[in-house]
Amino acid sequence: MSATRCRYEQDVLAALRQGSWQESLRAHAVACPLCAEVAFVGGLLLDEARAAEAEAPLPDPGRIWLAARVRARRLRVSRATRPIAVAQWVAAACAVAVTAVCLTRLEPHLGRWLAAVRPPAPGLLSGLAFFQGVLLLAASAGFVVLAGYALFSSWRES
C-alpha cells in the first residue's frame, strides 16, 4: 500500500460495508489505484468474514453469560470450601494414625481377646466372656469399616 492517501478511501470502505455504491464513487474506485486496492482487499475480507460467520455462527450471548456465572460461582464455592477439604484430609490422616497406634498398643492383648472368642463352656460366666469378646471384635470391625468409609468419602469429595 502506498504512503499517499485518497480522500475517498473511507467512503469506499463505508460503501463496501453497506453494500451500496454510488456510481460516482464506483467510477472513482476504478480510476484511483489506491481506492481500487482498498475495494479489492476490503471485498475479499468481507467475503471471508461472511463465510466464517456462516460456517460457525456465534453462540447465544445469554448462554455464554449464564455459563460464565455458573463457572464463577463454582470457583467461589471451591475457594470457600478449600479449608474444609484440607481439614478433612488432616482428620483422615489423624484417624489413620490413631488406628495404627491403637492396633500396635493393643496387639499384645489381641491373643487373649481372640482366645476369649471360642465356643462357651457350660456356665453363665463363660457365656458372658464369649459375648464380650464377640462384642469387642464387632465394635473393632465397625470402627475400621467406618474409618475406611470416612477416608473414602473425604477423598472422593476432594
N, C-alpha and C. Protein backbone atom coordinates (compact mmCIF):
# COMPACT_ATOMS: atom_id res chain seq x y z
N MET A 1 0.85 -1.16 0.00
CA MET A 1 0.00 0.00 0.00
C MET A 1 0.90 1.23 0.00
N SER A 2 0.54 2.23 -0.72
CA SER A 2 1.38 3.43 -0.82
C SER A 2 1.18 4.32 0.38
N ALA A 3 2.12 5.25 0.54
CA ALA A 3 2.08 6.15 1.69
C ALA A 3 1.06 7.27 1.47
N THR A 4 0.67 7.52 0.21
CA THR A 4 -0.32 8.57 -0.04
C THR A 4 -1.72 8.06 0.28
N ARG A 5 -2.58 8.97 0.60
CA ARG A 5 -3.94 8.60 0.94
C ARG A 5 -4.89 9.33 0.00
N CYS A 6 -6.00 8.67 -0.26
CA CYS A 6 -7.03 9.27 -1.09
C CYS A 6 -8.16 9.74 -0.18
N ARG A 7 -8.74 10.86 -0.51
CA ARG A 7 -9.80 11.38 0.36
C ARG A 7 -11.08 10.56 0.26
N TYR A 8 -11.20 9.68 -0.73
CA TYR A 8 -12.38 8.84 -0.89
C TYR A 8 -12.20 7.43 -0.29
N GLU A 9 -11.05 7.19 0.31
CA GLU A 9 -10.76 5.84 0.84
C GLU A 9 -11.79 5.40 1.88
N GLN A 10 -12.11 6.27 2.81
CA GLN A 10 -13.09 5.93 3.85
C GLN A 10 -14.49 5.75 3.26
N ASP A 11 -14.80 6.53 2.22
CA ASP A 11 -16.10 6.37 1.56
C ASP A 11 -16.20 5.02 0.86
N VAL A 12 -15.08 4.58 0.26
CA VAL A 12 -15.06 3.27 -0.39
C VAL A 12 -15.28 2.16 0.64
N LEU A 13 -14.60 2.28 1.79
CA LEU A 13 -14.79 1.28 2.86
C LEU A 13 -16.23 1.27 3.36
N ALA A 14 -16.82 2.44 3.54
CA ALA A 14 -18.20 2.51 4.00
C ALA A 14 -19.15 1.90 2.98
N ALA A 15 -18.90 2.14 1.69
CA ALA A 15 -19.74 1.56 0.64
C ALA A 15 -19.60 0.05 0.62
N LEU A 16 -18.39 -0.46 0.87
CA LEU A 16 -18.19 -1.91 0.93
C LEU A 16 -18.99 -2.53 2.07
N ARG A 17 -18.92 -1.90 3.24
CA ARG A 17 -19.63 -2.45 4.40
C ARG A 17 -21.14 -2.43 4.20
N GLN A 18 -21.65 -1.34 3.62
CA GLN A 18 -23.09 -1.20 3.45
C GLN A 18 -23.60 -1.95 2.23
N GLY A 19 -22.72 -2.17 1.28
CA GLY A 19 -23.13 -2.87 0.06
C GLY A 19 -23.85 -1.98 -0.93
N SER A 20 -23.81 -0.67 -0.75
CA SER A 20 -24.47 0.26 -1.69
C SER A 20 -23.43 1.24 -2.22
N TRP A 21 -23.28 1.24 -3.53
CA TRP A 21 -22.28 2.10 -4.19
C TRP A 21 -23.00 3.19 -4.97
N GLN A 22 -22.45 4.37 -4.89
CA GLN A 22 -22.90 5.44 -5.79
C GLN A 22 -22.07 5.31 -7.07
N GLU A 23 -22.67 5.65 -8.17
CA GLU A 23 -21.97 5.50 -9.46
C GLU A 23 -20.71 6.34 -9.52
N SER A 24 -20.75 7.54 -8.96
CA SER A 24 -19.55 8.40 -9.00
C SER A 24 -18.43 7.78 -8.16
N LEU A 25 -18.78 7.17 -7.02
CA LEU A 25 -17.76 6.54 -6.16
C LEU A 25 -17.21 5.28 -6.83
N ARG A 26 -18.07 4.53 -7.50
CA ARG A 26 -17.61 3.34 -8.22
C ARG A 26 -16.66 3.73 -9.35
N ALA A 27 -16.97 4.79 -10.05
CA ALA A 27 -16.11 5.26 -11.14
C ALA A 27 -14.76 5.71 -10.58
N HIS A 28 -14.79 6.38 -9.43
CA HIS A 28 -13.54 6.81 -8.81
C HIS A 28 -12.71 5.61 -8.37
N ALA A 29 -13.35 4.59 -7.79
CA ALA A 29 -12.62 3.41 -7.32
C ALA A 29 -11.97 2.67 -8.47
N VAL A 30 -12.58 2.70 -9.64
CA VAL A 30 -11.98 2.05 -10.81
C VAL A 30 -10.78 2.85 -11.30
N ALA A 31 -10.88 4.18 -11.22
CA ALA A 31 -9.82 5.04 -11.75
C ALA A 31 -8.66 5.21 -10.77
N CYS A 32 -8.92 5.25 -9.46
CA CYS A 32 -7.87 5.51 -8.44
C CYS A 32 -7.24 4.18 -8.04
N PRO A 33 -5.90 4.02 -8.17
CA PRO A 33 -5.27 2.75 -7.81
C PRO A 33 -5.40 2.43 -6.31
N LEU A 34 -5.31 3.44 -5.47
CA LEU A 34 -5.42 3.21 -4.03
C LEU A 34 -6.82 2.73 -3.66
N CYS A 35 -7.81 3.41 -4.18
CA CYS A 35 -9.20 3.01 -3.87
C CYS A 35 -9.54 1.66 -4.51
N ALA A 36 -8.96 1.36 -5.66
CA ALA A 36 -9.18 0.06 -6.29
C ALA A 36 -8.61 -1.04 -5.40
N GLU A 37 -7.42 -0.78 -4.85
CA GLU A 37 -6.81 -1.77 -3.95
C GLU A 37 -7.63 -1.93 -2.68
N VAL A 38 -8.11 -0.82 -2.12
CA VAL A 38 -8.94 -0.87 -0.91
C VAL A 38 -10.22 -1.65 -1.19
N ALA A 39 -10.84 -1.39 -2.34
CA ALA A 39 -12.08 -2.09 -2.69
C ALA A 39 -11.82 -3.58 -2.88
N PHE A 40 -10.70 -3.93 -3.53
CA PHE A 40 -10.40 -5.34 -3.77
C PHE A 40 -10.13 -6.08 -2.46
N VAL A 41 -9.20 -5.56 -1.64
CA VAL A 41 -8.85 -6.22 -0.39
C VAL A 41 -10.03 -6.20 0.59
N GLY A 42 -10.71 -5.08 0.68
CA GLY A 42 -11.87 -4.99 1.57
C GLY A 42 -12.96 -5.96 1.16
N GLY A 43 -13.19 -6.12 -0.14
CA GLY A 43 -14.19 -7.08 -0.61
C GLY A 43 -13.81 -8.50 -0.24
N LEU A 44 -12.53 -8.84 -0.41
CA LEU A 44 -12.08 -10.18 -0.03
C LEU A 44 -12.27 -10.43 1.46
N LEU A 45 -11.89 -9.45 2.26
CA LEU A 45 -12.02 -9.61 3.72
C LEU A 45 -13.48 -9.74 4.15
N LEU A 46 -14.36 -8.95 3.52
CA LEU A 46 -15.78 -9.05 3.86
C LEU A 46 -16.35 -10.40 3.44
N ASP A 47 -15.92 -10.90 2.28
CA ASP A 47 -16.38 -12.23 1.85
C ASP A 47 -15.93 -13.31 2.83
N GLU A 48 -14.68 -13.22 3.27
CA GLU A 48 -14.16 -14.20 4.24
C GLU A 48 -14.90 -14.11 5.57
N ALA A 49 -15.18 -12.89 6.01
CA ALA A 49 -15.89 -12.71 7.28
C ALA A 49 -17.30 -13.29 7.19
N ARG A 50 -17.98 -13.07 6.08
CA ARG A 50 -19.33 -13.62 5.92
C ARG A 50 -19.30 -15.15 5.85
N ALA A 51 -18.29 -15.69 5.16
CA ALA A 51 -18.18 -17.15 5.06
C ALA A 51 -17.90 -17.77 6.42
N ALA A 52 -17.01 -17.12 7.19
CA ALA A 52 -16.69 -17.64 8.52
C ALA A 52 -17.91 -17.56 9.44
N GLU A 53 -18.68 -16.50 9.32
CA GLU A 53 -19.88 -16.35 10.14
C GLU A 53 -20.93 -17.39 9.78
N ALA A 54 -21.02 -17.71 8.49
CA ALA A 54 -21.99 -18.71 8.05
C ALA A 54 -21.57 -20.12 8.50
N GLU A 55 -20.27 -20.39 8.52
CA GLU A 55 -19.79 -21.71 8.91
C GLU A 55 -19.95 -21.95 10.40
N ALA A 56 -19.60 -20.99 11.20
CA ALA A 56 -19.64 -21.15 12.66
C ALA A 56 -20.38 -19.96 13.26
N PRO A 57 -21.69 -20.08 13.40
CA PRO A 57 -22.43 -18.96 14.00
C PRO A 57 -22.06 -18.81 15.48
N LEU A 58 -22.14 -17.60 15.93
CA LEU A 58 -21.82 -17.33 17.33
C LEU A 58 -22.90 -17.91 18.24
N PRO A 59 -22.50 -18.42 19.39
CA PRO A 59 -23.50 -18.96 20.32
C PRO A 59 -24.33 -17.83 20.94
N ASP A 60 -25.40 -18.23 21.54
CA ASP A 60 -26.30 -17.27 22.18
C ASP A 60 -25.58 -16.55 23.31
N PRO A 61 -25.59 -15.22 23.34
CA PRO A 61 -24.88 -14.49 24.39
C PRO A 61 -25.43 -14.77 25.79
N GLY A 62 -26.72 -15.00 25.89
CA GLY A 62 -27.30 -15.31 27.21
C GLY A 62 -26.75 -16.61 27.76
N ARG A 63 -26.54 -17.56 26.87
CA ARG A 63 -26.00 -18.85 27.30
C ARG A 63 -24.55 -18.70 27.76
N ILE A 64 -23.78 -17.90 27.04
CA ILE A 64 -22.39 -17.65 27.43
C ILE A 64 -22.35 -16.95 28.79
N TRP A 65 -23.22 -15.98 28.97
CA TRP A 65 -23.26 -15.23 30.23
C TRP A 65 -23.64 -16.16 31.39
N LEU A 66 -24.63 -17.03 31.16
CA LEU A 66 -25.05 -17.95 32.21
C LEU A 66 -23.93 -18.93 32.56
N ALA A 67 -23.25 -19.45 31.53
CA ALA A 67 -22.14 -20.37 31.79
C ALA A 67 -21.02 -19.68 32.56
N ALA A 68 -20.75 -18.43 32.25
CA ALA A 68 -19.72 -17.69 32.98
C ALA A 68 -20.13 -17.49 34.44
N ARG A 69 -21.40 -17.20 34.68
CA ARG A 69 -21.86 -17.03 36.06
C ARG A 69 -21.77 -18.34 36.84
N VAL A 70 -22.16 -19.44 36.21
CA VAL A 70 -22.10 -20.74 36.88
C VAL A 70 -20.65 -21.10 37.20
N ARG A 71 -19.77 -20.85 36.24
CA ARG A 71 -18.34 -21.14 36.46
C ARG A 71 -17.77 -20.28 37.59
N ALA A 72 -18.13 -19.01 37.61
CA ALA A 72 -17.64 -18.13 38.67
C ALA A 72 -18.17 -18.57 40.03
N ARG A 73 -19.42 -19.01 40.07
CA ARG A 73 -19.99 -19.48 41.35
C ARG A 73 -19.27 -20.74 41.82
N ARG A 74 -19.02 -21.67 40.90
CA ARG A 74 -18.30 -22.90 41.27
C ARG A 74 -16.91 -22.57 41.79
N LEU A 75 -16.27 -21.61 41.16
CA LEU A 75 -14.93 -21.22 41.59
C LEU A 75 -14.97 -20.62 43.00
N ARG A 76 -15.97 -19.78 43.26
CA ARG A 76 -16.10 -19.20 44.60
C ARG A 76 -16.38 -20.28 45.64
N VAL A 77 -17.25 -21.22 45.31
CA VAL A 77 -17.57 -22.31 46.24
C VAL A 77 -16.33 -23.16 46.49
N SER A 78 -15.58 -23.42 45.43
CA SER A 78 -14.35 -24.22 45.58
C SER A 78 -13.35 -23.52 46.49
N ARG A 79 -13.20 -22.23 46.29
CA ARG A 79 -12.27 -21.48 47.14
C ARG A 79 -12.75 -21.42 48.58
N ALA A 80 -14.05 -21.30 48.77
CA ALA A 80 -14.60 -21.20 50.13
C ALA A 80 -14.50 -22.52 50.87
N THR A 81 -14.63 -23.63 50.16
CA THR A 81 -14.62 -24.92 50.83
C THR A 81 -13.24 -25.57 50.87
N ARG A 82 -12.25 -24.91 50.33
CA ARG A 82 -10.89 -25.48 50.36
C ARG A 82 -10.39 -25.73 51.78
N PRO A 83 -10.59 -24.81 52.74
CA PRO A 83 -10.15 -25.10 54.11
C PRO A 83 -10.87 -26.31 54.72
N ILE A 84 -12.14 -26.50 54.35
CA ILE A 84 -12.87 -27.66 54.86
C ILE A 84 -12.26 -28.95 54.30
N ALA A 85 -11.92 -28.93 53.02
CA ALA A 85 -11.30 -30.12 52.41
C ALA A 85 -9.96 -30.43 53.05
N VAL A 86 -9.18 -29.38 53.33
CA VAL A 86 -7.89 -29.60 54.00
C VAL A 86 -8.12 -30.19 55.39
N ALA A 87 -9.11 -29.67 56.10
CA ALA A 87 -9.41 -30.20 57.43
C ALA A 87 -9.85 -31.67 57.35
N GLN A 88 -10.59 -32.03 56.32
CA GLN A 88 -10.99 -33.43 56.15
C GLN A 88 -9.78 -34.31 55.91
N TRP A 89 -8.85 -33.85 55.09
CA TRP A 89 -7.62 -34.63 54.84
C TRP A 89 -6.82 -34.81 56.13
N VAL A 90 -6.71 -33.73 56.91
CA VAL A 90 -5.98 -33.82 58.17
C VAL A 90 -6.69 -34.78 59.13
N ALA A 91 -8.02 -34.69 59.18
CA ALA A 91 -8.78 -35.59 60.06
C ALA A 91 -8.62 -37.05 59.62
N ALA A 92 -8.61 -37.29 58.32
CA ALA A 92 -8.43 -38.65 57.83
C ALA A 92 -7.04 -39.17 58.18
N ALA A 93 -6.03 -38.31 58.03
CA ALA A 93 -4.67 -38.73 58.40
C ALA A 93 -4.57 -39.01 59.90
N CYS A 94 -5.22 -38.18 60.70
CA CYS A 94 -5.23 -38.42 62.15
C CYS A 94 -5.95 -39.72 62.49
N ALA A 95 -7.05 -40.01 61.80
CA ALA A 95 -7.78 -41.25 62.05
C ALA A 95 -6.92 -42.46 61.72
N VAL A 96 -6.19 -42.38 60.62
CA VAL A 96 -5.29 -43.48 60.26
C VAL A 96 -4.20 -43.64 61.31
N ALA A 97 -3.65 -42.51 61.75
CA ALA A 97 -2.58 -42.57 62.74
C ALA A 97 -3.10 -43.12 64.07
N VAL A 98 -4.27 -42.69 64.50
CA VAL A 98 -4.83 -43.19 65.76
C VAL A 98 -5.14 -44.68 65.65
N THR A 99 -5.66 -45.10 64.52
CA THR A 99 -5.94 -46.53 64.32
C THR A 99 -4.66 -47.35 64.38
N ALA A 100 -3.61 -46.84 63.73
CA ALA A 100 -2.33 -47.56 63.74
C ALA A 100 -1.77 -47.64 65.16
N VAL A 101 -1.84 -46.55 65.89
CA VAL A 101 -1.33 -46.55 67.27
C VAL A 101 -2.15 -47.50 68.14
N CYS A 102 -3.48 -47.45 67.99
CA CYS A 102 -4.32 -48.33 68.79
C CYS A 102 -4.03 -49.79 68.49
N LEU A 103 -3.86 -50.11 67.21
CA LEU A 103 -3.59 -51.50 66.87
C LEU A 103 -2.23 -51.95 67.40
N THR A 104 -1.23 -51.10 67.36
CA THR A 104 0.09 -51.50 67.88
C THR A 104 0.06 -51.60 69.40
N ARG A 105 -0.71 -50.73 70.06
CA ARG A 105 -0.77 -50.79 71.53
C ARG A 105 -1.60 -51.98 72.02
N LEU A 106 -2.60 -52.36 71.22
CA LEU A 106 -3.49 -53.43 71.64
C LEU A 106 -3.04 -54.80 71.13
N GLU A 107 -1.99 -54.84 70.35
CA GLU A 107 -1.52 -56.10 69.77
C GLU A 107 -1.23 -57.17 70.82
N PRO A 108 -0.60 -56.85 71.95
CA PRO A 108 -0.38 -57.90 72.94
C PRO A 108 -1.67 -58.49 73.50
N HIS A 109 -2.73 -57.72 73.52
CA HIS A 109 -3.99 -58.18 74.10
C HIS A 109 -4.87 -58.93 73.10
N LEU A 110 -4.56 -58.82 71.81
CA LEU A 110 -5.40 -59.45 70.80
C LEU A 110 -5.45 -60.97 70.98
N GLY A 111 -4.33 -61.56 71.33
CA GLY A 111 -4.31 -63.02 71.53
C GLY A 111 -5.27 -63.43 72.64
N ARG A 112 -5.28 -62.68 73.71
CA ARG A 112 -6.17 -63.00 74.83
C ARG A 112 -7.63 -62.79 74.42
N TRP A 113 -7.90 -61.72 73.64
CA TRP A 113 -9.27 -61.46 73.20
C TRP A 113 -9.73 -62.54 72.22
N LEU A 114 -8.85 -62.93 71.34
CA LEU A 114 -9.23 -63.98 70.40
C LEU A 114 -9.44 -65.32 71.11
N ALA A 115 -8.68 -65.53 72.16
CA ALA A 115 -8.87 -66.76 72.94
C ALA A 115 -10.22 -66.74 73.64
N ALA A 116 -10.69 -65.54 73.97
CA ALA A 116 -11.99 -65.43 74.64
C ALA A 116 -13.12 -65.72 73.66
N VAL A 117 -12.84 -65.61 72.36
CA VAL A 117 -13.88 -65.87 71.36
C VAL A 117 -13.79 -67.34 70.96
N ARG A 118 -14.31 -68.14 71.75
CA ARG A 118 -14.39 -69.57 71.47
C ARG A 118 -15.75 -70.04 71.95
N PRO A 119 -16.16 -71.16 71.51
CA PRO A 119 -17.47 -71.62 71.96
C PRO A 119 -17.51 -71.66 73.48
N PRO A 120 -18.54 -71.12 74.04
CA PRO A 120 -18.60 -71.07 75.51
C PRO A 120 -18.73 -72.46 76.12
N ALA A 121 -18.05 -72.57 77.24
CA ALA A 121 -18.21 -73.79 78.05
C ALA A 121 -19.52 -73.64 78.82
N PRO A 122 -20.03 -74.69 79.29
CA PRO A 122 -21.27 -74.57 80.06
C PRO A 122 -21.07 -73.65 81.26
N GLY A 123 -21.97 -72.77 81.46
CA GLY A 123 -21.91 -71.87 82.60
C GLY A 123 -22.15 -70.44 82.16
N LEU A 124 -22.67 -69.64 83.08
CA LEU A 124 -23.04 -68.27 82.78
C LEU A 124 -21.82 -67.38 82.55
N LEU A 125 -20.79 -67.51 83.36
CA LEU A 125 -19.62 -66.64 83.24
C LEU A 125 -18.88 -66.84 81.92
N SER A 126 -18.75 -68.05 81.49
CA SER A 126 -18.06 -68.29 80.23
C SER A 126 -18.89 -67.76 79.06
N GLY A 127 -20.21 -67.81 79.16
CA GLY A 127 -21.09 -67.25 78.12
C GLY A 127 -20.95 -65.74 78.03
N LEU A 128 -20.85 -65.08 79.20
CA LEU A 128 -20.66 -63.63 79.19
C LEU A 128 -19.30 -63.25 78.63
N ALA A 129 -18.27 -63.99 78.94
CA ALA A 129 -16.94 -63.71 78.39
C ALA A 129 -16.96 -63.87 76.87
N PHE A 130 -17.63 -64.88 76.38
CA PHE A 130 -17.74 -65.08 74.93
C PHE A 130 -18.47 -63.92 74.29
N PHE A 131 -19.57 -63.50 74.92
CA PHE A 131 -20.35 -62.39 74.39
C PHE A 131 -19.53 -61.10 74.38
N GLN A 132 -18.76 -60.85 75.42
CA GLN A 132 -17.91 -59.65 75.47
C GLN A 132 -16.84 -59.69 74.37
N GLY A 133 -16.27 -60.85 74.14
CA GLY A 133 -15.25 -60.98 73.09
C GLY A 133 -15.84 -60.73 71.71
N VAL A 134 -17.01 -61.29 71.45
CA VAL A 134 -17.67 -61.08 70.15
C VAL A 134 -18.05 -59.61 70.00
N LEU A 135 -18.57 -59.01 71.06
CA LEU A 135 -18.95 -57.60 71.02
C LEU A 135 -17.74 -56.72 70.76
N LEU A 136 -16.62 -57.01 71.39
CA LEU A 136 -15.40 -56.24 71.19
C LEU A 136 -14.89 -56.38 69.76
N LEU A 137 -14.91 -57.58 69.21
CA LEU A 137 -14.48 -57.77 67.83
C LEU A 137 -15.41 -57.06 66.84
N ALA A 138 -16.71 -57.11 67.10
CA ALA A 138 -17.67 -56.44 66.23
C ALA A 138 -17.48 -54.92 66.27
N ALA A 139 -17.25 -54.39 67.48
CA ALA A 139 -17.02 -52.95 67.60
C ALA A 139 -15.74 -52.54 66.90
N SER A 140 -14.70 -53.33 67.04
CA SER A 140 -13.43 -53.03 66.36
C SER A 140 -13.60 -53.07 64.85
N ALA A 141 -14.29 -54.09 64.36
CA ALA A 141 -14.52 -54.18 62.92
C ALA A 141 -15.38 -53.02 62.43
N GLY A 142 -16.38 -52.64 63.20
CA GLY A 142 -17.20 -51.49 62.83
C GLY A 142 -16.40 -50.20 62.77
N PHE A 143 -15.49 -50.03 63.73
CA PHE A 143 -14.65 -48.84 63.73
C PHE A 143 -13.76 -48.81 62.49
N VAL A 144 -13.18 -49.94 62.13
CA VAL A 144 -12.32 -49.99 60.95
C VAL A 144 -13.12 -49.71 59.69
N VAL A 145 -14.32 -50.26 59.60
CA VAL A 145 -15.17 -50.01 58.43
C VAL A 145 -15.57 -48.55 58.36
N LEU A 146 -15.99 -47.96 59.46
CA LEU A 146 -16.37 -46.55 59.46
C LEU A 146 -15.19 -45.64 59.14
N ALA A 147 -14.03 -45.95 59.68
CA ALA A 147 -12.84 -45.14 59.37
C ALA A 147 -12.51 -45.24 57.89
N GLY A 148 -12.62 -46.43 57.33
CA GLY A 148 -12.37 -46.60 55.89
C GLY A 148 -13.38 -45.83 55.06
N TYR A 149 -14.65 -45.88 55.45
CA TYR A 149 -15.67 -45.13 54.72
C TYR A 149 -15.43 -43.63 54.83
N ALA A 150 -15.03 -43.15 56.00
CA ALA A 150 -14.75 -41.71 56.16
C ALA A 150 -13.59 -41.29 55.27
N LEU A 151 -12.56 -42.10 55.21
CA LEU A 151 -11.43 -41.80 54.33
C LEU A 151 -11.88 -41.78 52.87
N PHE A 152 -12.65 -42.78 52.47
CA PHE A 152 -13.11 -42.87 51.09
C PHE A 152 -13.97 -41.67 50.71
N SER A 153 -14.90 -41.29 51.57
CA SER A 153 -15.79 -40.18 51.24
C SER A 153 -15.05 -38.86 51.23
N SER A 154 -14.07 -38.68 52.09
CA SER A 154 -13.31 -37.42 52.07
C SER A 154 -12.43 -37.34 50.83
N TRP A 155 -11.89 -38.46 50.38
CA TRP A 155 -11.06 -38.44 49.16
C TRP A 155 -11.92 -38.28 47.92
N ARG A 156 -13.11 -38.83 47.92
CA ARG A 156 -13.98 -38.74 46.77
C ARG A 156 -14.48 -37.31 46.58
N GLU A 157 -14.77 -36.60 47.65
CA GLU A 157 -15.28 -35.23 47.56
C GLU A 157 -14.19 -34.24 47.22
N SER A 158 -12.97 -34.56 47.46
CA SER A 158 -11.89 -33.60 47.19
C SER A 158 -11.56 -33.53 45.74
